[in-house]
């Protein structure tokens, strides 16, 4: 009887090793994200400033469903799948080709709406979440409404291309592990705990 009470006490106080996750220690803590290689897409919001002579025009555009925008003097510009540097150079060349003398063009990405991460499994709201540079796993879980009571919080799976990482989100939130940076296209799956 005494042995039974000792086992019962240890279960109630400390849990069992088999019921706790032993999350991995190794996963990326720095995102290999280079915003100069960011491809623009539908819904992205950009600000275009054109300097010519002593004049300046500034306009904000949201790329349409085809990834295009209508620019003063030159008409439709296709930005889908191109970097901001490529689009900026194209606009400058088209403006200089008979429209404006020595134009200087500045293009700034104001809001990225075309890049997403997906979250599913044991979260309050499964679906796509808008990617923003610098986003972390704790932010994406929060934007998905948080974990459900059945979530296995320290074994969250993130699939990035061909790689899959098991991320200890609860330990990250407690400050025991470094945060995991998200990348556009990441798929987050929160499994159900087995107990």
Protein backbone atom coordinates (compact mmCIF):
# COMPACT_ATOMS: atom_id res chain seq x y z
CA UNK A 1 0.00 0.00 0.00
CA UNK A 2 2.86 2.34 0.84
CA UNK A 3 4.42 1.78 -2.61
CA UNK A 4 1.09 2.53 -4.26
CA UNK A 5 0.83 5.83 -2.36
CA UNK A 6 4.39 6.81 -3.33
CA UNK A 7 3.70 6.13 -7.03
CA UNK A 8 0.41 8.01 -6.85
CA UNK A 9 2.08 11.00 -5.16
CA UNK A 10 4.84 11.13 -7.74
CA UNK A 11 2.27 11.04 -10.54
CA UNK A 12 0.22 13.82 -9.02
CA UNK A 13 3.13 16.07 -8.10
CA UNK A 14 5.66 15.64 -10.84
CA UNK A 15 3.87 13.93 -13.64
CA UNK A 16 5.47 11.13 -15.54
CA UNK A 17 8.34 11.43 -17.96
CA UNK A 18 6.21 9.74 -20.62
CA UNK A 19 3.53 12.43 -20.40
CA UNK A 20 5.84 15.39 -21.02
CA UNK A 21 7.30 16.46 -24.33
CA UNK A 22 11.04 16.59 -24.67
CA UNK A 23 11.22 19.34 -27.30
CA UNK A 24 14.21 19.57 -29.61
CA UNK A 25 16.95 22.06 -28.88
CA UNK A 26 18.13 22.67 -32.44
CA UNK A 27 16.09 24.79 -34.84
CA UNK A 28 16.77 28.03 -36.76
CA UNK A 29 16.70 31.18 -34.63
CA UNK A 30 17.57 33.62 -37.42
CA UNK A 31 15.43 33.92 -40.55
CA UNK A 32 17.28 33.71 -43.85
CA UNK A 33 14.91 36.41 -45.11
CA UNK A 34 16.26 38.96 -47.55
CA UNK A 35 13.68 41.66 -48.28
CA UNK A 36 15.68 42.83 -51.31
CA UNK A 37 14.71 39.52 -52.97
CA UNK A 38 11.06 39.83 -51.95
CA UNK A 39 8.77 39.21 -54.92
CA UNK A 40 5.79 41.55 -55.13
CA UNK A 41 2.29 40.18 -55.62
CA UNK A 42 -1.42 40.98 -55.68
CA UNK A 43 -2.59 43.07 -52.74
CA UNK A 44 0.84 44.49 -51.90
CA UNK A 45 0.80 48.20 -51.16
CA UNK A 46 3.65 50.31 -52.51
CA UNK A 47 4.55 53.98 -52.50
CA UNK A 48 6.05 55.45 -55.66
CA UNK A 49 7.88 58.78 -55.68
CA UNK A 50 9.05 60.30 -58.97
CA UNK A 51 11.46 63.23 -59.04
CA UNK A 52 11.88 65.10 -62.35
CA UNK A 53 13.49 68.50 -62.66
CA UNK A 54 12.33 70.49 -59.65
CA UNK A 55 9.04 68.57 -59.40
CA UNK A 56 7.99 65.55 -57.41
CA UNK A 57 4.95 63.27 -57.57
CA UNK A 58 4.07 60.73 -54.95
CA UNK A 59 1.38 58.07 -55.09
CA UNK A 60 0.42 54.94 -53.18
CA UNK A 61 -0.72 51.88 -55.12
CA UNK A 62 -2.23 48.55 -54.20
CA UNK A 63 -1.33 45.91 -56.77
CA UNK A 64 -4.46 44.50 -58.40
CA UNK A 65 -5.34 40.79 -58.74
CA UNK A 66 -2.93 40.45 -61.65
CA UNK A 67 -0.10 42.16 -59.72
CA UNK A 68 -0.30 45.35 -61.77
CA UNK A 69 -0.62 49.07 -61.09
CA UNK A 70 -1.43 52.08 -63.26
CA UNK A 71 1.41 54.62 -63.12
CA UNK A 72 0.99 58.22 -64.25
CA UNK A 73 2.49 58.91 -67.71
CA UNK A 74 3.24 55.24 -68.57
CA UNK A 75 0.11 53.23 -67.73
CA UNK A 76 0.10 49.60 -66.59
CA UNK A 77 3.19 48.23 -64.85
CA UNK A 78 3.39 44.51 -64.11
CA UNK A 79 5.02 44.00 -60.70
CA UNK A 80 3.92 40.42 -59.96
CA UNK A 81 6.86 38.16 -59.15
CA UNK A 82 9.41 40.99 -59.48
CA UNK A 83 11.50 42.62 -56.75
CA UNK A 84 10.96 46.26 -55.89
CA UNK A 85 14.37 47.08 -57.40
CA UNK A 86 13.40 45.54 -60.75
CA UNK A 87 10.04 47.37 -60.81
CA UNK A 88 11.69 50.64 -59.79
CA UNK A 89 14.25 50.35 -62.61
CA UNK A 90 11.56 49.42 -65.15
CA UNK A 91 9.43 52.45 -64.20
CA UNK A 92 12.45 54.75 -64.38
CA UNK A 93 13.43 53.43 -67.83
CA UNK A 94 9.89 53.74 -69.18
CA UNK A 95 9.53 57.30 -67.84
CA UNK A 96 12.90 58.30 -69.33
CA UNK A 97 11.87 56.88 -72.72
CA UNK A 98 10.27 60.08 -73.98
CA UNK A 99 8.05 61.07 -71.03
CA UNK A 100 10.31 62.77 -68.48
CA UNK A 101 13.87 64.07 -68.58
CA UNK A 102 16.23 62.31 -66.14
CA UNK A 103 13.57 60.97 -63.75
CA UNK A 104 14.59 59.58 -60.38
CA UNK A 105 12.25 56.90 -59.05
CA UNK A 106 11.90 55.67 -55.48
CA UNK A 107 9.71 52.66 -54.70
CA UNK A 108 8.91 51.64 -51.12
CA UNK A 109 6.96 48.57 -50.05
CA UNK A 110 4.45 49.86 -47.51
CA UNK A 111 2.52 46.67 -46.81
CA UNK A 112 3.03 43.05 -47.85
CA UNK A 113 -0.34 41.36 -48.38
CA UNK A 114 0.57 38.69 -50.92
CA UNK A 115 2.77 36.58 -48.64
CA UNK A 116 1.12 34.21 -46.19
CA UNK A 117 1.85 31.52 -43.64
CA UNK A 118 -0.73 28.83 -42.89
CA UNK A 119 -1.69 27.59 -39.45
CA UNK A 120 -3.84 24.55 -38.72
CA UNK A 121 -4.45 21.94 -36.06
CA UNK A 122 -5.11 22.75 -32.41
CA UNK A 123 -5.45 26.53 -32.66
CA UNK A 124 -8.58 28.62 -32.20
CA UNK A 125 -8.64 29.80 -35.82
CA UNK A 126 -7.01 27.74 -38.58
CA UNK A 127 -6.18 29.39 -41.89
CA UNK A 128 -3.77 31.81 -43.55
CA UNK A 129 -1.98 34.57 -41.66
CA UNK A 130 -0.44 37.55 -43.41
CA UNK A 131 3.36 37.34 -43.29
CA UNK A 132 5.29 40.33 -42.06
CA UNK A 133 9.10 40.47 -41.94
CA UNK A 134 10.35 39.65 -38.46
CA UNK A 135 7.29 37.57 -37.56
CA UNK A 136 7.88 34.76 -35.04
CA UNK A 137 6.13 31.50 -34.18
CA UNK A 138 4.63 33.00 -31.00
CA UNK A 139 3.11 35.86 -33.00
CA UNK A 140 1.59 33.56 -35.61
CA UNK A 141 0.02 31.37 -32.89
CA UNK A 142 -1.37 34.51 -31.20
CA UNK A 143 -2.82 35.75 -34.52
CA UNK A 144 -4.50 32.36 -34.87
CA UNK A 145 -6.33 32.88 -31.59
CA UNK A 146 -3.92 30.87 -29.44
CA UNK A 147 -3.82 27.18 -28.60
CA UNK A 148 -6.85 25.03 -27.88
CA UNK A 149 -6.86 23.10 -24.57
CA UNK A 150 -5.81 19.93 -26.43
CA UNK A 151 -2.75 21.47 -28.11
CA UNK A 152 0.64 19.83 -27.81
CA UNK A 153 2.39 23.17 -27.31
CA UNK A 154 6.00 22.01 -27.26
CA UNK A 155 5.87 19.91 -30.42
CA UNK A 156 4.49 22.39 -32.96
CA UNK A 157 5.57 21.39 -36.46
CA UNK A 158 6.70 23.99 -38.99
CA UNK A 159 7.23 22.86 -42.57
CA UNK A 160 9.48 25.09 -44.64
CA UNK A 161 10.06 23.70 -48.11
CA UNK A 162 11.43 20.20 -47.59
CA UNK A 163 12.43 20.77 -43.96
CA UNK A 164 10.18 20.18 -40.93
CA UNK A 165 11.04 21.58 -37.51
CA UNK A 166 9.51 20.69 -34.13
CA UNK A 167 9.22 23.91 -32.17
CA UNK A 168 8.74 24.17 -28.36
CA UNK A 169 6.35 27.16 -28.45
CA UNK A 170 5.32 26.94 -24.79
CA UNK A 171 8.98 26.96 -23.69
CA UNK A 172 9.64 29.91 -26.04
CA UNK A 173 6.73 31.81 -24.47
CA UNK A 174 8.17 31.07 -21.01
CA UNK A 175 11.55 32.46 -22.10
CA UNK A 176 13.30 29.09 -21.85
CA UNK A 177 14.14 28.81 -25.56
CA UNK A 178 14.87 31.32 -28.35
CA UNK A 179 12.03 32.29 -30.66
CA UNK A 180 11.58 30.75 -34.10
CA UNK A 181 11.43 33.23 -37.03
CA UNK A 182 8.77 32.65 -39.65
CA UNK A 183 9.27 32.76 -43.43
CA UNK A 184 6.72 33.34 -46.21
CA UNK A 185 5.01 30.06 -47.11
CA UNK A 186 5.71 28.33 -43.78
CA UNK A 187 3.07 25.80 -42.73
CA UNK A 188 2.43 25.49 -38.99
CA UNK A 189 0.70 22.42 -37.58
CA UNK A 190 -0.23 22.20 -33.90
CA UNK A 191 -0.79 18.53 -33.05
CA UNK A 192 -3.19 17.19 -30.46
CA UNK A 193 -1.59 15.92 -27.29
CA UNK A 194 -1.87 12.15 -26.74
CA UNK A 195 -3.08 12.45 -23.14
